[in-house]
C-alpha atoms as a PDB file:
ATOM      1  CA  MET A   1      38.974  80.857  53.413  1.00  0.00           C
ATOM      2  CA  ILE A   2      36.768  80.042  56.451  1.00  0.00           C
ATOM      3  CA  THR A   3      37.302  76.897  58.459  1.00  0.00           C
ATOM      4  CA  THR A   4      35.290  75.712  61.326  1.00  0.00           C
ATOM      5  CA  PHE A   5      36.633  73.384  64.154  1.00  0.00           C
ATOM      6  CA  ASN A   6      34.745  71.436  66.815  1.00  0.00           C
ATOM      7  CA  ILE A   7      36.619  71.924  69.968  1.00  0.00           C
ATOM      8  CA  ASP A   8      36.377  69.665  72.988  1.00  0.00           C
ATOM      9  CA  GLY A   9      37.409  70.821  76.459  1.00  0.00           C
ATOM     10  CA  MET A  10      36.236  74.459  76.521  1.00  0.00           C
ATOM     11  CA  HIS A  11      34.445  75.476  79.670  1.00  0.00           C
ATOM     12  CA  CYS A  12      34.534  79.274  80.014  1.00  0.00           C
ATOM     13  CA  THR A  13      35.384  82.686  78.628  1.00  0.00           C
ATOM     14  CA  SER A  14      39.044  82.122  79.515  1.00  0.00           C
ATOM     15  CA  CYS A  15      39.122  79.191  77.206  1.00  0.00           C
ATOM     16  CA  LYS A  16      37.551  81.380  74.415  1.00  0.00           C
ATOM     17  CA  VAL A  17      40.216  84.085  74.911  1.00  0.00           C
ATOM     18  CA  LEU A  18      43.154  81.524  74.946  1.00  0.00           C
ATOM     19  CA  ILE A  19      42.012  79.949  71.702  1.00  0.00           C
ATOM     20  CA  GLU A  20      41.348  83.252  69.892  1.00  0.00           C
ATOM     21  CA  ASP A  21      44.740  84.537  70.968  1.00  0.00           C
ATOM     22  CA  ALA A  22      46.529  81.367  69.882  1.00  0.00           C
ATOM     23  CA  CYS A  23      44.766  81.398  66.450  1.00  0.00           C
ATOM     24  CA  ALA A  24      45.538  85.137  66.100  1.00  0.00           C
ATOM     25  CA  ASP A  25      49.267  84.282  66.480  1.00  0.00           C
ATOM     26  CA  VAL A  26      49.138  81.889  63.477  1.00  0.00           C
ATOM     27  CA  PRO A  27      50.434  83.654  60.324  1.00  0.00           C
ATOM     28  CA  GLY A  28      47.636  84.238  57.907  1.00  0.00           C
ATOM     29  CA  VAL A  29      44.720  84.293  60.333  1.00  0.00           C
ATOM     30  CA  ILE A  30      42.401  87.218  59.613  1.00  0.00           C
ATOM     31  CA  ALA A  31      39.745  86.593  62.276  1.00  0.00           C
ATOM     32  CA  CYS A  32      38.809  83.944  64.846  1.00  0.00           C
ATOM     33  CA  GLN A  33      35.495  83.703  66.725  1.00  0.00           C
ATOM     34  CA  VAL A  34      35.057  81.008  69.319  1.00  0.00           C
ATOM     35  CA  ASP A  35      31.598  80.008  70.689  1.00  0.00           C
ATOM     36  CA  VAL A  36      32.054  78.163  73.962  1.00  0.00           C
ATOM     37  CA  ASP A  37      28.476  77.003  74.214  1.00  0.00           C
ATOM     38  CA  ALA A  38      28.446  75.532  70.657  1.00  0.00           C
ATOM     39  CA  GLY A  39      32.000  74.221  71.100  1.00  0.00           C
ATOM     40  CA  ILE A  40      33.264  75.586  67.859  1.00  0.00           C
ATOM     41  CA  ALA A  41      35.844  78.063  66.443  1.00  0.00           C
ATOM     42  CA  VAL A  42      35.187  79.749  63.088  1.00  0.00           C
ATOM     43  CA  ILE A  43      38.421  81.024  61.596  1.00  0.00           C
ATOM     44  CA  GLU A  44      38.902  83.287  58.569  1.00  0.00           C
ATOM     45  CA  HIS A  45      42.391  82.673  57.237  1.00  0.00           C
ATOM     46  CA  ASP A  46      44.952  82.197  54.516  1.00  0.00           C
ATOM     47  CA  ALA A  47      46.846  79.824  56.799  1.00  0.00           C
ATOM     48  CA  ASP A  48      47.440  76.100  56.663  1.00  0.00           C
ATOM     49  CA  ARG A  49      44.441  74.356  58.387  1.00  0.00           C
ATOM     50  CA  ALA A  50      46.680  71.839  60.144  1.00  0.00           C
ATOM     51  CA  ALA A  51      48.725  74.768  61.650  1.00  0.00           C
ATOM     52  CA  LEU A  52      45.438  76.093  63.134  1.00  0.00           C
ATOM     53  CA  ALA A  53      44.515  72.743  64.619  1.00  0.00           C
ATOM     54  CA  ARG A  54      47.997  72.428  66.109  1.00  0.00           C
ATOM     55  CA  ALA A  55      47.752  75.856  67.683  1.00  0.00           C
ATOM     56  CA  ILE A  56      44.473  74.862  69.348  1.00  0.00           C
ATOM     57  CA  GLN A  57      45.743  71.398  70.385  1.00  0.00           C
ATOM     58  CA  ALA A  58      48.873  72.914  71.855  1.00  0.00           C
ATOM     59  CA  LEU A  59      46.650  74.524  74.451  1.00  0.00           C
ATOM     60  CA  GLY A  60      45.357  71.111  75.489  1.00  0.00           C
ATOM     61  CA  TYR A  61      42.052  71.174  73.594  1.00  0.00           C
ATOM     62  CA  GLN A  62      40.906  68.634  70.945  1.00  0.00           C
ATOM     63  CA  ALA A  63      40.276  70.308  67.577  1.00  0.00           C
ATOM     64  CA  GLN A  64      38.465  68.522  64.686  1.00  0.00           C
ATOM     65  CA  GLU A  65      37.822  70.300  61.436  1.00  0.00           C
ATOM     66  CA  VAL A  66      34.150  70.390  60.334  1.00  0.00           C
ATOM     67  CA  VAL A  67      33.951  69.173  56.730  1.00  0.00           C
END
C-alpha cells in the first residue's frame, strides 16, 4: 500500500532525513520518500497508517493523510 501525508513544519534536508528515518523504524515500512518543497511524505508500507502518522508527529511535525 502507498500512503501520502501532508507534513507541516519541515524546513530543510535534516527534517527530511529525520522523517525518513522515523518512518523506516515503523515495522512494515518498505520505502519512504519525503519532499520538503512539496511538504509531503510518500510511504510504501504494510503498516498501520495511524502508526506512521504517530511516528512523524512524535518528531514535532503535523502529519495529515492525503485521501
